[in-house]
């Protein structure tokens, strides 16, 4: 099951991370969108499910953020077309 993080969780992560790391999140999301097109969100969700290791909460959180960035990028692309 995928976990959605509340807006305050995203804000907390952004506050913890340095700017280059945030840029890497958006780059990764952009690559997924370009590589998988309409299936990028599905791929990201599956990839997120693979990161459910309880010993790696940061890895799961980062993958969650990438998935959210994929959703946002796809929404932007839909508004442009």
C-alpha atoms as a PDB file:
ATOM      1  CA  UNK A   1       0.000   0.000   0.000  1.00  0.00           C
ATOM      2  CA  UNK A   2       1.317   3.407  -0.921  1.00  0.00           C
ATOM      3  CA  UNK A   3       1.580   6.025   1.775  1.00  0.00           C
ATOM      4  CA  UNK A   4       0.760   9.617   0.903  1.00  0.00           C
ATOM      5  CA  UNK A   5       2.493  12.210   2.986  1.00  0.00           C
ATOM      6  CA  UNK A   6       0.714  15.284   4.253  1.00  0.00           C
ATOM      7  CA  UNK A   7       1.850  18.695   3.042  1.00  0.00           C
ATOM      8  CA  UNK A   8       3.625  19.361   6.328  1.00  0.00           C
ATOM      9  CA  UNK A   9       5.676  16.173   5.850  1.00  0.00           C
ATOM     10  CA  UNK A  10       6.802  17.391   2.427  1.00  0.00           C
ATOM     11  CA  UNK A  11       7.666  20.779   3.915  1.00  0.00           C
ATOM     12  CA  UNK A  12       9.661  19.076   6.673  1.00  0.00           C
ATOM     13  CA  UNK A  13      11.593  17.012   4.141  1.00  0.00           C
ATOM     14  CA  UNK A  14      12.330  20.066   2.026  1.00  0.00           C
ATOM     15  CA  UNK A  15      13.562  21.885   5.128  1.00  0.00           C
ATOM     16  CA  UNK A  16      15.901  18.964   5.954  1.00  0.00           C
ATOM     17  CA  UNK A  17      17.317  18.601   2.475  1.00  0.00           C
ATOM     18  CA  UNK A  18      19.790  20.822   0.754  1.00  0.00           C
ATOM     19  CA  UNK A  19      18.778  22.472  -2.508  1.00  0.00           C
ATOM     20  CA  UNK A  20      20.890  20.188  -4.765  1.00  0.00           C
ATOM     21  CA  UNK A  21      19.123  17.139  -3.317  1.00  0.00           C
ATOM     22  CA  UNK A  22      15.721  18.640  -4.095  1.00  0.00           C
ATOM     23  CA  UNK A  23      16.913  19.327  -7.623  1.00  0.00           C
ATOM     24  CA  UNK A  24      17.928  15.661  -7.907  1.00  0.00           C
ATOM     25  CA  UNK A  25      14.410  14.617  -6.844  1.00  0.00           C
ATOM     26  CA  UNK A  26      12.896  16.667  -9.674  1.00  0.00           C
ATOM     27  CA  UNK A  27      15.491  15.386 -12.138  1.00  0.00           C
ATOM     28  CA  UNK A  28      14.678  11.783 -11.221  1.00  0.00           C
ATOM     29  CA  UNK A  29      10.947  12.453 -11.585  1.00  0.00           C
ATOM     30  CA  UNK A  30      11.506  14.149 -14.928  1.00  0.00           C
ATOM     31  CA  UNK A  31      13.509  11.155 -16.178  1.00  0.00           C
ATOM     32  CA  UNK A  32      10.714   8.782 -15.154  1.00  0.00           C
ATOM     33  CA  UNK A  33       8.109  10.899 -16.939  1.00  0.00           C
ATOM     34  CA  UNK A  34      10.177  11.027 -20.119  1.00  0.00           C
ATOM     35  CA  UNK A  35      11.111   7.359 -19.955  1.00  0.00           C
ATOM     36  CA  UNK A  36       7.717   5.886 -19.025  1.00  0.00           C
ATOM     37  CA  UNK A  37       5.269   8.547 -20.217  1.00  0.00           C
ATOM     38  CA  UNK A  38       1.740   7.941 -18.950  1.00  0.00           C
ATOM     39  CA  UNK A  39       2.972   4.892 -17.022  1.00  0.00           C
ATOM     40  CA  UNK A  40       5.494   6.895 -14.961  1.00  0.00           C
ATOM     41  CA  UNK A  41       3.235   7.168 -11.922  1.00  0.00           C
ATOM     42  CA  UNK A  42       2.527   3.419 -12.012  1.00  0.00           C
ATOM     43  CA  UNK A  43       6.239   2.672 -12.300  1.00  0.00           C
ATOM     44  CA  UNK A  44       7.040   5.083  -9.455  1.00  0.00           C
ATOM     45  CA  UNK A  45       4.363   3.464  -7.257  1.00  0.00           C
ATOM     46  CA  UNK A  46       5.792   0.006  -7.927  1.00  0.00           C
ATOM     47  CA  UNK A  47       9.311   1.284  -7.289  1.00  0.00           C
ATOM     48  CA  UNK A  48       8.073   2.826  -4.037  1.00  0.00           C
ATOM     49  CA  UNK A  49       6.555  -0.502  -2.956  1.00  0.00           C
ATOM     50  CA  UNK A  50       9.974  -2.095  -3.398  1.00  0.00           C
ATOM     51  CA  UNK A  51      11.379   0.384  -0.857  1.00  0.00           C
ATOM     52  CA  UNK A  52       9.188  -0.678   2.040  1.00  0.00           C
ATOM     53  CA  UNK A  53      12.226  -1.854   4.002  1.00  0.00           C
ATOM     54  CA  UNK A  54      11.586  -0.745   7.603  1.00  0.00           C
ATOM     55  CA  UNK A  55      15.319  -0.244   8.017  1.00  0.00           C
ATOM     56  CA  UNK A  56      15.412   2.457   5.358  1.00  0.00           C
ATOM     57  CA  UNK A  57      12.738   5.052   6.147  1.00  0.00           C
ATOM     58  CA  UNK A  58      14.702   7.821   4.407  1.00  0.00           C
ATOM     59  CA  UNK A  59      14.910   5.793   1.197  1.00  0.00           C
ATOM     60  CA  UNK A  60      11.166   5.222   1.291  1.00  0.00           C
ATOM     61  CA  UNK A  61      10.558   8.887   1.996  1.00  0.00           C
ATOM     62  CA  UNK A  62      12.754  10.016  -0.916  1.00  0.00           C
ATOM     63  CA  UNK A  63      11.035   7.574  -3.285  1.00  0.00           C
ATOM     64  CA  UNK A  64       7.699   8.905  -2.033  1.00  0.00           C
ATOM     65  CA  UNK A  65       8.830  12.405  -2.874  1.00  0.00           C
ATOM     66  CA  UNK A  66       9.950  11.311  -6.348  1.00  0.00           C
ATOM     67  CA  UNK A  67       6.542   9.694  -6.903  1.00  0.00           C
ATOM     68  CA  UNK A  68       4.804  12.897  -5.807  1.00  0.00           C
ATOM     69  CA  UNK A  69       7.036  14.910  -8.137  1.00  0.00           C
ATOM     70  CA  UNK A  70       6.072  12.555 -11.001  1.00  0.00           C
ATOM     71  CA  UNK A  71       2.387  13.224 -10.275  1.00  0.00           C
ATOM     72  CA  UNK A  72       2.978  16.975 -10.242  1.00  0.00           C
ATOM     73  CA  UNK A  73       4.986  16.915 -13.486  1.00  0.00           C
ATOM     74  CA  UNK A  74       2.319  14.852 -15.234  1.00  0.00           C
ATOM     75  CA  UNK A  75      -0.355  17.274 -14.058  1.00  0.00           C
ATOM     76  CA  UNK A  76       1.677  20.157 -15.488  1.00  0.00           C
ATOM     77  CA  UNK A  77       2.020  18.371 -18.814  1.00  0.00           C
ATOM     78  CA  UNK A  78      -1.732  17.736 -18.946  1.00  0.00           C
ATOM     79  CA  UNK A  79      -2.486  21.427 -18.434  1.00  0.00           C
ATOM     80  CA  UNK A  80      -0.117  22.334 -21.277  1.00  0.00           C
ATOM     81  CA  UNK A  81      -1.909  20.097 -23.785  1.00  0.00           C
END
